C-alpha atoms as a PDB file:
ATOM      1  CA  MET A   1      20.277 -31.204   5.348  1.00  0.00           C
ATOM      2  CA  ILE A   2      19.012 -30.714   1.816  1.00  0.00           C
ATOM      3  CA  LYS A   3      15.497 -31.715   2.938  1.00  0.00           C
ATOM      4  CA  ASN A   4      15.561 -29.011   5.626  1.00  0.00           C
ATOM      5  CA  GLN A   5      16.601 -26.378   3.096  1.00  0.00           C
ATOM      6  CA  LEU A   6      13.892 -27.541   0.704  1.00  0.00           C
ATOM      7  CA  ARG A   7      11.251 -27.315   3.443  1.00  0.00           C
ATOM      8  CA  ARG A   8      12.406 -23.816   4.303  1.00  0.00           C
ATOM      9  CA  PHE A   9      12.095 -22.677   0.668  1.00  0.00           C
ATOM     10  CA  GLU A  10       8.690 -24.344   0.310  1.00  0.00           C
ATOM     11  CA  SER A  11       7.542 -22.617   3.486  1.00  0.00           C
ATOM     12  CA  GLU A  12       8.683 -19.204   2.202  1.00  0.00           C
ATOM     13  CA  ASP A  13       6.952 -19.795  -1.140  1.00  0.00           C
ATOM     14  CA  SER A  14       3.789 -20.855   0.641  1.00  0.00           C
ATOM     15  CA  HIS A  15       3.744 -17.670   2.743  1.00  0.00           C
ATOM     16  CA  MET A  16       4.267 -15.544  -0.354  1.00  0.00           C
ATOM     17  CA  LEU A  17       1.419 -17.294  -2.170  1.00  0.00           C
ATOM     18  CA  HIS A  18      -0.860 -16.761   0.834  1.00  0.00           C
ATOM     19  CA  MET A  19      -0.041 -13.051   0.838  1.00  0.00           C
ATOM     20  CA  ILE A  20      -0.740 -12.792  -2.894  1.00  0.00           C
ATOM     21  CA  GLY A  21      -3.989 -14.722  -2.420  1.00  0.00           C
ATOM     22  CA  HIS A  22      -5.088 -12.374   0.367  1.00  0.00           C
ATOM     23  CA  ALA A  23      -4.281  -9.355  -1.808  1.00  0.00           C
ATOM     24  CA  ILE A  24      -6.302 -10.703  -4.752  1.00  0.00           C
ATOM     25  CA  PHE A  25      -9.198 -11.654  -2.454  1.00  0.00           C
ATOM     26  CA  GLY A  26      -9.081  -8.173  -0.919  1.00  0.00           C
ATOM     27  CA  LEU A  27      -9.126  -6.563  -4.353  1.00  0.00           C
ATOM     28  CA  ILE A  28     -12.166  -8.588  -5.439  1.00  0.00           C
ATOM     29  CA  VAL A  29     -14.060  -7.898  -2.204  1.00  0.00           C
ATOM     30  CA  GLY A  30     -13.123  -4.210  -2.346  1.00  0.00           C
ATOM     31  CA  LEU A  31     -14.271  -3.864  -5.961  1.00  0.00           C
ATOM     32  CA  ILE A  32     -17.607  -5.515  -5.209  1.00  0.00           C
ATOM     33  CA  ALA A  33     -18.086  -3.355  -2.095  1.00  0.00           C
ATOM     34  CA  ARG A  34     -17.418  -0.223  -4.143  1.00  0.00           C
ATOM     35  CA  ALA A  35     -19.877  -1.389  -6.809  1.00  0.00           C
ATOM     36  CA  VAL A  36     -22.593  -2.072  -4.216  1.00  0.00           C
ATOM     37  CA  MET A  37     -22.149   1.138  -2.196  1.00  0.00           C
ATOM     38  CA  PRO A  38     -23.931   4.090  -3.807  1.00  0.00           C
ATOM     39  CA  GLY A  39     -22.014   7.243  -4.538  1.00  0.00           C
ATOM     40  CA  ARG A  40     -18.583   7.864  -5.919  1.00  0.00           C
ATOM     41  CA  GLN A  41     -15.520   6.785  -3.988  1.00  0.00           C
ATOM     42  CA  HIS A  42     -12.199   8.307  -4.927  1.00  0.00           C
ATOM     43  CA  MET A  43      -9.952   5.289  -4.442  1.00  0.00           C
ATOM     44  CA  GLY A  44      -7.286   3.644  -6.521  1.00  0.00           C
ATOM     45  CA  LEU A  45      -6.591  -0.062  -6.797  1.00  0.00           C
ATOM     46  CA  ILE A  46      -4.271  -0.147  -3.789  1.00  0.00           C
ATOM     47  CA  LEU A  47      -6.821   1.531  -1.502  1.00  0.00           C
ATOM     48  CA  THR A  48      -9.515  -0.785  -2.879  1.00  0.00           C
ATOM     49  CA  MET A  49      -7.334  -3.782  -2.062  1.00  0.00           C
ATOM     50  CA  ILE A  50      -6.676  -2.472   1.447  1.00  0.00           C
ATOM     51  CA  LEU A  51     -10.420  -1.874   1.837  1.00  0.00           C
ATOM     52  CA  GLY A  52     -11.108  -5.516   0.985  1.00  0.00           C
ATOM     53  CA  VAL A  53      -8.425  -6.906   3.291  1.00  0.00           C
ATOM     54  CA  VAL A  54      -9.499  -4.722   6.234  1.00  0.00           C
ATOM     55  CA  GLY A  55     -13.125  -5.542   5.481  1.00  0.00           C
ATOM     56  CA  ALA A  56     -12.358  -9.267   5.537  1.00  0.00           C
ATOM     57  CA  TRP A  57     -10.616  -8.837   8.890  1.00  0.00           C
ATOM     58  CA  LEU A  58     -13.578  -6.886  10.266  1.00  0.00           C
ATOM     59  CA  GLY A  59     -16.051  -9.393   8.833  1.00  0.00           C
ATOM     60  CA  GLY A  60     -14.145 -12.234  10.477  1.00  0.00           C
ATOM     61  CA  LEU A  61     -14.146 -10.376  13.775  1.00  0.00           C
ATOM     62  CA  ILE A  62     -17.886  -9.776  13.570  1.00  0.00           C
ATOM     63  CA  GLY A  63     -18.452 -13.397  12.552  1.00  0.00           C
ATOM     64  CA  ARG A  64     -16.468 -14.665  15.539  1.00  0.00           C
ATOM     65  CA  MET A  65     -18.379 -12.346  17.871  1.00  0.00           C
ATOM     66  CA  LEU A  66     -21.669 -13.674  16.503  1.00  0.00           C
ATOM     67  CA  GLY A  67     -20.473 -17.262  16.777  1.00  0.00           C
ATOM     68  CA  LEU A  68     -20.416 -17.890  13.020  1.00  0.00           C
ATOM     69  CA  TYR A  69     -16.685 -18.680  12.902  1.00  0.00           C
ATOM     70  CA  ARG A  70     -14.315 -20.360  15.310  1.00  0.00           C
ATOM     71  CA  GLU A  71     -11.063 -18.749  16.379  1.00  0.00           C
ATOM     72  CA  GLY A  72      -8.439 -19.022  13.653  1.00  0.00           C
ATOM     73  CA  HIS A  73     -10.913 -19.626  10.819  1.00  0.00           C
ATOM     74  CA  PRO A  74     -11.036 -17.003   8.088  1.00  0.00           C
ATOM     75  CA  ALA A  75     -14.136 -15.029   7.213  1.00  0.00           C
ATOM     76  CA  GLY A  76     -16.323 -16.174   4.379  1.00  0.00           C
ATOM     77  CA  PHE A  77     -16.898 -14.092   1.292  1.00  0.00           C
ATOM     78  CA  LEU A  78     -20.227 -12.694   2.490  1.00  0.00           C
ATOM     79  CA  MET A  79     -18.890 -11.546   5.873  1.00  0.00           C
ATOM     80  CA  ALA A  80     -15.813 -10.084   4.163  1.00  0.00           C
ATOM     81  CA  LEU A  81     -18.147  -8.101   1.921  1.00  0.00           C
ATOM     82  CA  VAL A  82     -20.211  -6.931   4.908  1.00  0.00           C
ATOM     83  CA  GLY A  83     -17.034  -5.832   6.688  1.00  0.00           C
ATOM     84  CA  ALA A  84     -15.802  -4.021   3.565  1.00  0.00           C
ATOM     85  CA  LEU A  85     -19.124  -2.207   3.251  1.00  0.00           C
ATOM     86  CA  ILE A  86     -18.860  -1.061   6.868  1.00  0.00           C
ATOM     87  CA  VAL A  87     -15.284   0.148   6.342  1.00  0.00           C
ATOM     88  CA  LEU A  88     -16.267   1.875   3.089  1.00  0.00           C
ATOM     89  CA  PHE A  89     -19.185   3.633   4.804  1.00  0.00           C
ATOM     90  CA  ILE A  90     -16.892   4.899   7.568  1.00  0.00           C
ATOM     91  CA  TYR A  91     -14.287   5.944   4.989  1.00  0.00           C
ATOM     92  CA  SER A  92     -16.810   7.872   2.875  1.00  0.00           C
ATOM     93  CA  MET A  93     -18.224   9.596   5.956  1.00  0.00           C
ATOM     94  CA  ALA A  94     -14.725  10.608   7.088  1.00  0.00           C
ATOM     95  CA  VAL A  95     -13.721  11.871   3.638  1.00  0.00           C
ATOM     96  CA  SER A  96     -16.962  13.789   3.068  1.00  0.00           C
ATOM     97  CA  HIS A  97     -16.753  15.465   6.487  1.00  0.00           C
ATOM     98  CA  SER A  98     -13.114  16.398   6.031  1.00  0.00           C
ATOM     99  CA  THR A  99     -13.899  17.825   2.586  1.00  0.00           C
ATOM    100  CA  ALA A 100     -16.823  19.818   4.013  1.00  0.00           C
ATOM    101  CA  LEU A 101     -14.608  21.188   6.777  1.00  0.00           C
ATOM    102  CA  VAL A 102     -11.976  22.271   4.264  1.00  0.00           C
ATOM    103  CA  LEU A 103     -14.520  23.971   1.990  1.00  0.00           C
ATOM    104  CA  LEU A 104     -16.520  25.820   4.658  1.00  0.00           C
ATOM    105  CA  PRO A 105     -13.880  28.240   6.004  1.00  0.00           C
ATOM    106  CA  GLY A 106     -12.935  29.391   2.475  1.00  0.00           C
ATOM    107  CA  ARG A 107     -16.381  30.815   1.683  1.00  0.00           C
END
């Protein structure tokens, strides 16, 4: 009985550490993507972290479609960076167009 409870706590700790690891990985990938992409992006640390995590997901999806990764295997750093750059490009296009639309009618 005690062994079962110990396994349950170890499992919960392991999931929490995986989530923290994904967040740190996302932050690093997001920071590098923002440094590589020209122009100024108005993002805080949380949005940068989300950018990296979504980019890693997209990079893994692209990698699986190209046959670089098998199902269930995570994306490598390079594909995560490629995915983050794609997401950042789409984000900057969406933000710049929405800003242009807001500024035009007020002239």
